[in-house]
PDB file of all heavy atoms in Angstrom:
ATOM      1  N   ILE A   1     -41.823  24.986   6.014  1.00  0.00           N
ATOM      2  CA  ILE A   1     -41.696  25.780   4.789  1.00  0.00           C
ATOM      3  C   ILE A   1     -41.954  27.262   5.022  1.00  0.00           C
ATOM      4  O   ILE A   1     -41.396  28.116   4.325  1.00  0.00           O
ATOM      5  CB  ILE A   1     -42.661  25.235   3.707  1.00  0.00           C
ATOM      6  CG1 ILE A   1     -42.366  23.759   3.427  1.00  0.00           C
ATOM      7  CG2 ILE A   1     -42.573  26.036   2.417  1.00  0.00           C
ATOM      8  CD1 ILE A   1     -43.382  23.077   2.526  1.00  0.00           C
ATOM      9  N   TYR A   2     -42.766  27.589   6.026  1.00  0.00           N
ATOM     10  CA  TYR A   2     -43.194  28.966   6.234  1.00  0.00           C
ATOM     11  C   TYR A   2     -42.042  29.967   6.398  1.00  0.00           C
ATOM     12  O   TYR A   2     -42.151  31.103   5.895  1.00  0.00           O
ATOM     13  CB  TYR A   2     -44.132  29.054   7.440  1.00  0.00           C
ATOM     14  CG  TYR A   2     -44.774  30.411   7.576  1.00  0.00           C
ATOM     15  CD1 TYR A   2     -45.773  30.823   6.701  1.00  0.00           C
ATOM     16  CD2 TYR A   2     -44.365  31.295   8.569  1.00  0.00           C
ATOM     17  CE1 TYR A   2     -46.351  32.084   6.809  1.00  0.00           C
ATOM     18  CE2 TYR A   2     -44.936  32.547   8.681  1.00  0.00           C
ATOM     19  CZ  TYR A   2     -45.932  32.935   7.803  1.00  0.00           C
ATOM     20  OH  TYR A   2     -46.490  34.173   7.912  1.00  0.00           O
ATOM     21  N   PRO A   3     -40.932  29.618   7.072  1.00  0.00           N
ATOM     22  CA  PRO A   3     -39.831  30.587   7.168  1.00  0.00           C
ATOM     23  C   PRO A   3     -39.348  31.079   5.804  1.00  0.00           C
ATOM     24  O   PRO A   3     -38.964  32.245   5.663  1.00  0.00           O
ATOM     25  CB  PRO A   3     -38.739  29.812   7.906  1.00  0.00           C
ATOM     26  CG  PRO A   3     -39.489  28.834   8.742  1.00  0.00           C
ATOM     27  CD  PRO A   3     -40.650  28.421   7.886  1.00  0.00           C
ATOM     28  N   ALA A   4     -39.369  30.208   4.803  1.00  0.00           N
ATOM     29  CA  ALA A   4     -38.939  30.603   3.459  1.00  0.00           C
ATOM     30  C   ALA A   4     -39.891  31.629   2.867  1.00  0.00           C
ATOM     31  O   ALA A   4     -39.472  32.547   2.146  1.00  0.00           O
ATOM     32  CB  ALA A   4     -38.844  29.380   2.553  1.00  0.00           C
ATOM     33  N   VAL A   5     -41.177  31.480   3.154  1.00  0.00           N
ATOM     34  CA  VAL A   5     -42.170  32.443   2.668  1.00  0.00           C
ATOM     35  C   VAL A   5     -41.954  33.784   3.342  1.00  0.00           C
ATOM     36  O   VAL A   5     -42.040  34.844   2.707  1.00  0.00           O
ATOM     37  CB  VAL A   5     -43.599  31.926   2.923  1.00  0.00           C
ATOM     38  CG1 VAL A   5     -44.630  32.947   2.458  1.00  0.00           C
ATOM     39  CG2 VAL A   5     -43.815  30.582   2.223  1.00  0.00           C
ATOM     40  N   GLU A   6     -41.661  33.768   4.635  1.00  0.00           N
ATOM     41  CA  GLU A   6     -41.382  35.017   5.350  1.00  0.00           C
ATOM     42  C   GLU A   6     -40.149  35.716   4.778  1.00  0.00           C
ATOM     43  O   GLU A   6     -40.097  36.941   4.693  1.00  0.00           O
ATOM     44  CB  GLU A   6     -41.163  34.731   6.839  1.00  0.00           C
ATOM     45  CG  GLU A   6     -42.417  34.352   7.605  1.00  0.00           C
ATOM     46  CD  GLU A   6     -42.153  34.275   9.093  1.00  0.00           C
ATOM     47  OE1 GLU A   6     -41.155  33.637   9.492  1.00  0.00           O
ATOM     48  OE2 GLU A   6     -42.917  34.872   9.864  1.00  0.00           O
ATOM     49  N   GLN A   7     -39.156  34.929   4.393  1.00  0.00           N
ATOM     50  CA  GLN A   7     -37.900  35.497   3.898  1.00  0.00           C
ATOM     51  C   GLN A   7     -37.987  35.945   2.443  1.00  0.00           C
ATOM     52  O   GLN A   7     -37.437  36.988   2.068  1.00  0.00           O
ATOM     53  CB  GLN A   7     -36.775  34.468   4.053  1.00  0.00           C
ATOM     54  CG  GLN A   7     -36.417  34.152   5.492  1.00  0.00           C
ATOM     55  CD  GLN A   7     -35.543  32.912   5.589  1.00  0.00           C
ATOM     56  OE1 GLN A   7     -35.981  31.789   5.342  1.00  0.00           O
ATOM     57  NE2 GLN A   7     -34.280  33.118   5.933  1.00  0.00           N
ATOM     58  N   ALA A   8     -38.646  35.147   1.608  1.00  0.00           N
ATOM     59  CA  ALA A   8     -38.624  35.391   0.161  1.00  0.00           C
ATOM     60  C   ALA A   8     -39.896  36.023  -0.378  1.00  0.00           C
ATOM     61  O   ALA A   8     -39.925  36.452  -1.532  1.00  0.00           O
ATOM     62  CB  ALA A   8     -38.355  34.080  -0.581  1.00  0.00           C
ATOM     63  N   GLY A   9     -40.958  36.050   0.418  1.00  0.00           N
ATOM     64  CA  GLY A   9     -42.212  36.604  -0.068  1.00  0.00           C
ATOM     65  C   GLY A   9     -43.068  35.566  -0.765  1.00  0.00           C
ATOM     66  O   GLY A   9     -42.820  34.360  -0.665  1.00  0.00           O
ATOM     67  N   THR A  10     -44.052  36.026  -1.501  1.00  0.00           N
ATOM     68  CA  THR A  10     -45.057  35.119  -2.070  1.00  0.00           C
ATOM     69  C   THR A  10     -44.744  34.644  -3.486  1.00  0.00           C
ATOM     70  O   THR A  10     -45.571  33.982  -4.113  1.00  0.00           O
ATOM     71  CB  THR A  10     -46.435  35.803  -2.071  1.00  0.00           C
ATOM     72  OG1 THR A  10     -46.358  37.036  -2.802  1.00  0.00           O
ATOM     73  CG2 THR A  10     -46.896  36.103  -0.648  1.00  0.00           C
ATOM     74  N   SER A  11     -43.566  34.975  -4.007  1.00  0.00           N
ATOM     75  CA  SER A  11     -43.153  34.407  -5.291  1.00  0.00           C
ATOM     76  C   SER A  11     -42.889  32.920  -5.097  1.00  0.00           C
ATOM     77  O   SER A  11     -42.063  32.534  -4.259  1.00  0.00           O
ATOM     78  CB  SER A  11     -41.880  35.093  -5.787  1.00  0.00           C
ATOM     79  OG  SER A  11     -41.260  34.325  -6.814  1.00  0.00           O
ATOM     80  N   LEU A  12     -43.587  32.084  -5.851  1.00  0.00           N
ATOM     81  CA  LEU A  12     -43.467  30.638  -5.677  1.00  0.00           C
ATOM     82  C   LEU A  12     -42.040  30.166  -5.918  1.00  0.00           C
ATOM     83  O   LEU A  12     -41.497  29.376  -5.141  1.00  0.00           O
ATOM     84  CB  LEU A  12     -44.433  29.908  -6.619  1.00  0.00           C
ATOM     85  CG  LEU A  12     -44.410  28.379  -6.564  1.00  0.00           C
ATOM     86  CD1 LEU A  12     -44.652  27.868  -5.149  1.00  0.00           C
ATOM     87  CD2 LEU A  12     -45.449  27.797  -7.526  1.00  0.00           C
ATOM     88  N   GLU A  13     -41.404  30.633  -6.980  1.00  0.00           N
ATOM     89  CA  GLU A  13     -40.048  30.188  -7.273  1.00  0.00           C
ATOM     90  C   GLU A  13     -39.059  30.678  -6.213  1.00  0.00           C
ATOM     91  O   GLU A  13     -38.210  29.911  -5.753  1.00  0.00           O
ATOM     92  CB  GLU A  13     -39.605  30.675  -8.657  1.00  0.00           C
ATOM     93  CG  GLU A  13     -38.190  30.215  -9.016  1.00  0.00           C
ATOM     94  CD  GLU A  13     -37.814  30.487 -10.464  1.00  0.00           C
ATOM     95  OE1 GLU A  13     -38.705  30.421 -11.324  1.00  0.00           O
ATOM     96  OE2 GLU A  13     -36.624  30.751 -10.718  1.00  0.00           O
ATOM     97  N   ALA A  14     -39.182  31.943  -5.826  1.00  0.00           N
ATOM     98  CA  ALA A  14     -38.266  32.488  -4.825  1.00  0.00           C
ATOM     99  C   ALA A  14     -38.420  31.770  -3.490  1.00  0.00           C
ATOM    100  O   ALA A  14     -37.423  31.431  -2.828  1.00  0.00           O
ATOM    101  CB  ALA A  14     -38.510  33.986  -4.653  1.00  0.00           C
ATOM    102  N   ALA A  15     -39.655  31.519  -3.080  1.00  0.00           N
ATOM    103  CA  ALA A  15     -39.896  30.826  -1.813  1.00  0.00           C
ATOM    104  C   ALA A  15     -39.411  29.383  -1.879  1.00  0.00           C
ATOM    105  O   ALA A  15     -38.867  28.854  -0.901  1.00  0.00           O
ATOM    106  CB  ALA A  15     -41.386  30.872  -1.466  1.00  0.00           C
ATOM    107  N   SER A  16     -39.585  28.743  -3.025  1.00  0.00           N
ATOM    108  CA  SER A  16     -39.132  27.354  -3.186  1.00  0.00           C
ATOM    109  C   SER A  16     -37.610  27.264  -3.087  1.00  0.00           C
ATOM    110  O   SER A  16     -37.076  26.347  -2.449  1.00  0.00           O
ATOM    111  CB  SER A  16     -39.601  26.804  -4.536  1.00  0.00           C
ATOM    112  OG  SER A  16     -41.012  26.760  -4.607  1.00  0.00           O
ATOM    113  N   LYS A  17     -36.922  28.197  -3.701  1.00  0.00           N
ATOM    114  CA  LYS A  17     -35.461  28.203  -3.641  1.00  0.00           C
ATOM    115  C   LYS A  17     -34.972  28.537  -2.240  1.00  0.00           C
ATOM    116  O   LYS A  17     -34.006  27.938  -1.745  1.00  0.00           O
ATOM    117  CB  LYS A  17     -34.900  29.195  -4.654  1.00  0.00           C
ATOM    118  CG  LYS A  17     -35.070  28.751  -6.104  1.00  0.00           C
ATOM    119  CD  LYS A  17     -34.496  29.759  -7.090  1.00  0.00           C
ATOM    120  CE  LYS A  17     -34.603  29.250  -8.523  1.00  0.00           C
ATOM    121  NZ  LYS A  17     -34.097  30.219  -9.514  1.00  0.00           N
ATOM    122  N   GLN A  18     -35.639  29.477  -1.573  1.00  0.00           N
ATOM    123  CA  GLN A  18     -35.252  29.811  -0.202  1.00  0.00           C
ATOM    124  C   GLN A  18     -35.495  28.636   0.726  1.00  0.00           C
ATOM    125  O   GLN A  18     -34.709  28.380   1.660  1.00  0.00           O
ATOM    126  CB  GLN A  18     -36.032  31.034   0.282  1.00  0.00           C
ATOM    127  CG  GLN A  18     -35.612  31.540   1.653  1.00  0.00           C
ATOM    128  CD  GLN A  18     -34.157  31.964   1.687  1.00  0.00           C
ATOM    129  OE1 GLN A  18     -33.720  32.730   0.830  1.00  0.00           O
ATOM    130  NE2 GLN A  18     -33.397  31.474   2.665  1.00  0.00           N
ATOM    131  N   ASN A  19     -36.570  27.905   0.482  1.00  0.00           N
ATOM    132  CA  ASN A  19     -36.859  26.721   1.294  1.00  0.00           C
ATOM    133  C   ASN A  19     -35.742  25.693   1.186  1.00  0.00           C
ATOM    134  O   ASN A  19     -35.342  25.085   2.183  1.00  0.00           O
ATOM    135  CB  ASN A  19     -38.188  26.097   0.854  1.00  0.00           C
ATOM    136  CG  ASN A  19     -38.537  24.855   1.635  1.00  0.00           C
ATOM    137  OD1 ASN A  19     -38.524  24.845   2.868  1.00  0.00           O
ATOM    138  ND2 ASN A  19     -38.827  23.777   0.929  1.00  0.00           N
ATOM    139  N   VAL A  20     -35.216  25.500  -0.019  1.00  0.00           N
ATOM    140  CA  VAL A  20     -34.097  24.573  -0.205  1.00  0.00           C
ATOM    141  C   VAL A  20     -32.904  25.016   0.648  1.00  0.00           C
ATOM    142  O   VAL A  20     -32.303  24.209   1.367  1.00  0.00           O
ATOM    143  CB  VAL A  20     -33.686  24.501  -1.689  1.00  0.00           C
ATOM    144  CG1 VAL A  20     -32.390  23.713  -1.838  1.00  0.00           C
ATOM    145  CG2 VAL A  20     -34.781  23.863  -2.514  1.00  0.00           C
ATOM    146  N   LYS A  21     -32.578  26.291   0.572  1.00  0.00           N
ATOM    147  CA  LYS A  21     -31.438  26.803   1.332  1.00  0.00           C
ATOM    148  C   LYS A  21     -31.658  26.642   2.834  1.00  0.00           C
ATOM    149  O   LYS A  21     -30.727  26.312   3.585  1.00  0.00           O
ATOM    150  CB  LYS A  21     -31.196  28.271   0.985  1.00  0.00           C
ATOM    151  CG  LYS A  21     -30.788  28.493  -0.466  1.00  0.00           C
ATOM    152  CD  LYS A  21     -30.668  29.977  -0.794  1.00  0.00           C
ATOM    153  CE  LYS A  21     -30.319  30.197  -2.255  1.00  0.00           C
ATOM    154  NZ  LYS A  21     -30.236  31.646  -2.589  1.00  0.00           N
ATOM    155  N   ASN A  22     -32.895  26.861   3.278  1.00  0.00           N
ATOM    156  CA  ASN A  22     -33.206  26.701   4.700  1.00  0.00           C
ATOM    157  C   ASN A  22     -33.032  25.259   5.152  1.00  0.00           C
ATOM    158  O   ASN A  22     -32.543  24.993   6.258  1.00  0.00           O
ATOM    159  CB  ASN A  22     -34.635  27.158   4.984  1.00  0.00           C
ATOM    160  CG  ASN A  22     -34.800  28.658   4.895  1.00  0.00           C
ATOM    161  OD1 ASN A  22     -33.820  29.395   4.730  1.00  0.00           O
ATOM    162  ND2 ASN A  22     -36.036  29.130   5.003  1.00  0.00           N
ATOM    163  N   GLN A  23     -33.444  24.310   4.309  1.00  0.00           N
ATOM    164  CA  GLN A  23     -33.312  22.900   4.677  1.00  0.00           C
ATOM    165  C   GLN A  23     -31.837  22.475   4.726  1.00  0.00           C
ATOM    166  O   GLN A  23     -31.439  21.676   5.571  1.00  0.00           O
ATOM    167  CB  GLN A  23     -34.099  22.017   3.708  1.00  0.00           C
ATOM    168  CG  GLN A  23     -35.574  22.357   3.584  1.00  0.00           C
ATOM    169  CD  GLN A  23     -36.292  22.504   4.913  1.00  0.00           C
ATOM    170  OE1 GLN A  23     -36.113  21.686   5.831  1.00  0.00           O
ATOM    171  NE2 GLN A  23     -37.114  23.535   5.048  1.00  0.00           N
ATOM    172  N   VAL A  24     -31.033  23.028   3.825  1.00  0.00           N
ATOM    173  CA  VAL A  24     -29.594  22.751   3.860  1.00  0.00           C
ATOM    174  C   VAL A  24     -29.001  23.252   5.164  1.00  0.00           C
ATOM    175  O   VAL A  24     -28.219  22.558   5.825  1.00  0.00           O
ATOM    176  CB  VAL A  24     -28.881  23.410   2.659  1.00  0.00           C
ATOM    177  CG1 VAL A  24     -27.360  23.386   2.848  1.00  0.00           C
ATOM    178  CG2 VAL A  24     -29.249  22.692   1.373  1.00  0.00           C
ATOM    179  N   SER A  25     -29.382  24.461   5.550  1.00  0.00           N
ATOM    180  CA  SER A  25     -28.886  25.040   6.798  1.00  0.00           C
ATOM    181  C   SER A  25     -29.321  24.204   7.996  1.00  0.00           C
ATOM    182  O   SER A  25     -28.529  23.941   8.915  1.00  0.00           O
ATOM    183  CB  SER A  25     -29.399  26.474   6.941  1.00  0.00           C
ATOM    184  OG  SER A  25     -28.978  27.044   8.161  1.00  0.00           O
ATOM    185  N   LEU A  26     -30.567  23.770   7.971  1.00  0.00           N
ATOM    186  CA  LEU A  26     -31.088  22.946   9.063  1.00  0.00           C
ATOM    187  C   LEU A  26     -30.330  21.631   9.172  1.00  0.00           C
ATOM    188  O   LEU A  26     -29.946  21.206  10.273  1.00  0.00           O
ATOM    189  CB  LEU A  26     -32.583  22.680   8.855  1.00  0.00           C
ATOM    190  CG  LEU A  26     -33.260  21.738   9.862  1.00  0.00           C
ATOM    191  CD1 LEU A  26     -33.092  22.265  11.277  1.00  0.00           C
ATOM    192  CD2 LEU A  26     -34.735  21.578   9.522  1.00  0.00           C
ATOM    193  N   LEU A  27     -30.089  20.982   8.043  1.00  0.00           N
ATOM    194  CA  LEU A  27     -29.356  19.717   8.055  1.00  0.00           C
ATOM    195  C   LEU A  27     -27.950  19.903   8.625  1.00  0.00           C
ATOM    196  O   LEU A  27     -27.458  19.066   9.379  1.00  0.00           O
ATOM    197  CB  LEU A  27     -29.267  19.146   6.638  1.00  0.00           C
ATOM    198  CG  LEU A  27     -30.543  18.516   6.079  1.00  0.00           C
ATOM    199  CD1 LEU A  27     -30.389  18.261   4.593  1.00  0.00           C
ATOM    200  CD2 LEU A  27     -30.865  17.231   6.817  1.00  0.00           C
ATOM    201  N   SER A  28     -27.313  20.986   8.255  1.00  0.00           N
ATOM    202  CA  SER A  28     -25.948  21.241   8.699  1.00  0.00           C
ATOM    203  C   SER A  28     -25.875  21.535  10.199  1.00  0.00           C
ATOM    204  O   SER A  28     -24.894  21.198  10.860  1.00  0.00           O
ATOM    205  CB  SER A  28     -25.354  22.427   7.923  1.00  0.00           C
ATOM    206  OG  SER A  28     -25.384  22.188   6.533  1.00  0.00           O
ATOM    207  N   LYS A  29     -26.933  22.167  10.725  1.00  0.00           N
ATOM    208  CA  LYS A  29     -26.914  22.579  12.126  1.00  0.00           C
ATOM    209  C   LYS A  29     -27.582  21.576  13.063  1.00  0.00           C
ATOM    210  O   LYS A  29     -27.155  21.407  14.208  1.00  0.00           O
ATOM    211  CB  LYS A  29     -27.598  23.940  12.266  1.00  0.00           C
ATOM    212  CG  LYS A  29     -26.870  25.068  11.552  1.00  0.00           C
ATOM    213  CD  LYS A  29     -27.657  26.369  11.616  1.00  0.00           C
ATOM    214  CE  LYS A  29     -26.947  27.491  10.873  1.00  0.00           C
ATOM    215  NZ  LYS A  29     -27.731  28.744  10.868  1.00  0.00           N
ATOM    216  N   ALA A  30     -28.651  20.933  12.588  1.00  0.00           N
ATOM    217  CA  ALA A  30     -29.433  20.054  13.459  1.00  0.00           C
ATOM    218  C   ALA A  30     -28.816  18.672  13.612  1.00  0.00           C
ATOM    219  O   ALA A  30     -29.174  17.935  14.521  1.00  0.00           O
ATOM    220  CB  ALA A  30     -30.854  19.915  12.933  1.00  0.00           C
ATOM    221  N   SER A  31     -27.902  18.314  12.717  1.00  0.00           N
ATOM    222  CA  SER A  31     -27.309  16.976  12.758  1.00  0.00           C
ATOM    223  C   SER A  31     -25.822  17.034  13.062  1.00  0.00           C
ATOM    224  O   SER A  31     -25.014  17.362  12.186  1.00  0.00           O
ATOM    225  CB  SER A  31     -27.520  16.252  11.422  1.00  0.00           C
ATOM    226  OG  SER A  31     -26.787  15.046  11.410  1.00  0.00           O
ATOM    227  N   PRO A  32     -25.419  16.702  14.278  1.00  0.00           N
ATOM    228  CA  PRO A  32     -23.987  16.620  14.574  1.00  0.00           C
ATOM    229  C   PRO A  32     -23.272  15.589  13.705  1.00  0.00           C
ATOM    230  O   PRO A  32     -22.085  15.730  13.415  1.00  0.00           O
ATOM    231  CB  PRO A  32     -23.958  16.210  16.058  1.00  0.00           C
ATOM    232  CG  PRO A  32     -25.277  16.642  16.603  1.00  0.00           C
ATOM    233  CD  PRO A  32     -26.249  16.461  15.472  1.00  0.00           C
ATOM    234  N   VAL A  33     -23.997  14.565  13.296  1.00  0.00           N
ATOM    235  CA  VAL A  33     -23.415  13.529  12.448  1.00  0.00           C
ATOM    236  C   VAL A  33     -22.972  14.130  11.112  1.00  0.00           C
ATOM    237  O   VAL A  33     -21.837  13.947  10.670  1.00  0.00           O
ATOM    238  CB  VAL A  33     -24.427  12.383  12.206  1.00  0.00           C
ATOM    239  CG1 VAL A  33     -23.866  11.374  11.215  1.00  0.00           C
ATOM    240  CG2 VAL A  33     -24.771  11.696  13.517  1.00  0.00           C
ATOM    241  N   LEU A  34     -23.878  14.836  10.467  1.00  0.00           N
ATOM    242  CA  LEU A  34     -23.558  15.448   9.178  1.00  0.00           C
ATOM    243  C   LEU A  34     -22.539  16.577   9.346  1.00  0.00           C
ATOM    244  O   LEU A  34     -21.640  16.730   8.517  1.00  0.00           O
ATOM    245  CB  LEU A  34     -24.830  15.973   8.516  1.00  0.00           C
ATOM    246  CG  LEU A  34     -25.915  14.935   8.211  1.00  0.00           C
ATOM    247  CD1 LEU A  34     -27.124  15.607   7.568  1.00  0.00           C
ATOM    248  CD2 LEU A  34     -25.387  13.813   7.335  1.00  0.00           C
ATOM    249  N   ALA A  35     -22.684  17.358  10.416  1.00  0.00           N
ATOM    250  CA  ALA A  35     -21.757  18.473  10.647  1.00  0.00           C
ATOM    251  C   ALA A  35     -20.323  17.978  10.788  1.00  0.00           C
ATOM    252  O   ALA A  35     -19.383  18.598  10.275  1.00  0.00           O
ATOM    253  CB  ALA A  35     -22.184  19.250  11.892  1.00  0.00           C
ATOM    254  N   LYS A  36     -20.160  16.859  11.472  1.00  0.00           N
ATOM    255  CA  LYS A  36     -18.819  16.306  11.663  1.00  0.00           C
ATOM    256  C   LYS A  36     -18.220  15.844  10.342  1.00  0.00           C
ATOM    257  O   LYS A  36     -17.042  16.078  10.052  1.00  0.00           O
ATOM    258  CB  LYS A  36     -18.863  15.143  12.652  1.00  0.00           C
ATOM    259  CG  LYS A  36     -17.500  14.541  13.005  1.00  0.00           C
ATOM    260  CD  LYS A  36     -17.647  13.508  14.112  1.00  0.00           C
ATOM    261  CE  LYS A  36     -16.290  13.014  14.581  1.00  0.00           C
ATOM    262  NZ  LYS A  36     -15.583  12.243  13.550  1.00  0.00           N
ATOM    263  N   LEU A  37     -19.028  15.195   9.505  1.00  0.00           N
ATOM    264  CA  LEU A  37     -18.553  14.735   8.205  1.00  0.00           C
ATOM    265  C   LEU A  37     -18.182  15.907   7.305  1.00  0.00           C
ATOM    266  O   LEU A  37     -17.212  15.850   6.555  1.00  0.00           O
ATOM    267  CB  LEU A  37     -19.622  13.864   7.541  1.00  0.00           C
ATOM    268  CG  LEU A  37     -19.859  12.503   8.186  1.00  0.00           C
ATOM    269  CD1 LEU A  37     -21.114  11.844   7.617  1.00  0.00           C
ATOM    270  CD2 LEU A  37     -18.658  11.594   8.004  1.00  0.00           C
ATOM    271  N   ILE A  38     -18.965  16.983   7.388  1.00  0.00           N
ATOM    272  CA  ILE A  38     -18.643  18.186   6.617  1.00  0.00           C
ATOM    273  C   ILE A  38     -17.327  18.783   7.091  1.00  0.00           C
ATOM    274  O   ILE A  38     -16.470  19.162   6.284  1.00  0.00           O
ATOM    275  CB  ILE A  38     -19.777  19.221   6.745  1.00  0.00           C
ATOM    276  CG1 ILE A  38     -21.051  18.707   6.091  1.00  0.00           C
ATOM    277  CG2 ILE A  38     -19.364  20.551   6.111  1.00  0.00           C
ATOM    278  CD1 ILE A  38     -22.273  19.548   6.379  1.00  0.00           C
ATOM    279  N   GLN A  39     -17.157  18.869   8.397  1.00  0.00           N
ATOM    280  CA  GLN A  39     -15.929  19.432   8.965  1.00  0.00           C
ATOM    281  C   GLN A  39     -14.707  18.623   8.552  1.00  0.00           C
ATOM    282  O   GLN A  39     -13.638  19.178   8.295  1.00  0.00           O
ATOM    283  CB  GLN A  39     -16.040  19.474  10.494  1.00  0.00           C
ATOM    284  CG  GLN A  39     -14.850  20.123  11.184  1.00  0.00           C
ATOM    285  CD  GLN A  39     -15.021  20.171  12.686  1.00  0.00           C
ATOM    286  OE1 GLN A  39     -15.871  19.489  13.267  1.00  0.00           O
ATOM    287  NE2 GLN A  39     -14.214  20.973  13.354  1.00  0.00           N
TER     288      GLN A  39
END
């Protein structure tokens, strides 16, 4: 979660939303299985 805090600051809502976006990015990049289905 910490990368989202670094990116969005200490606003709870902003950091929470950034965390969601970071996890989406991670899923898309870390999983060849999901990346292939997206492609």
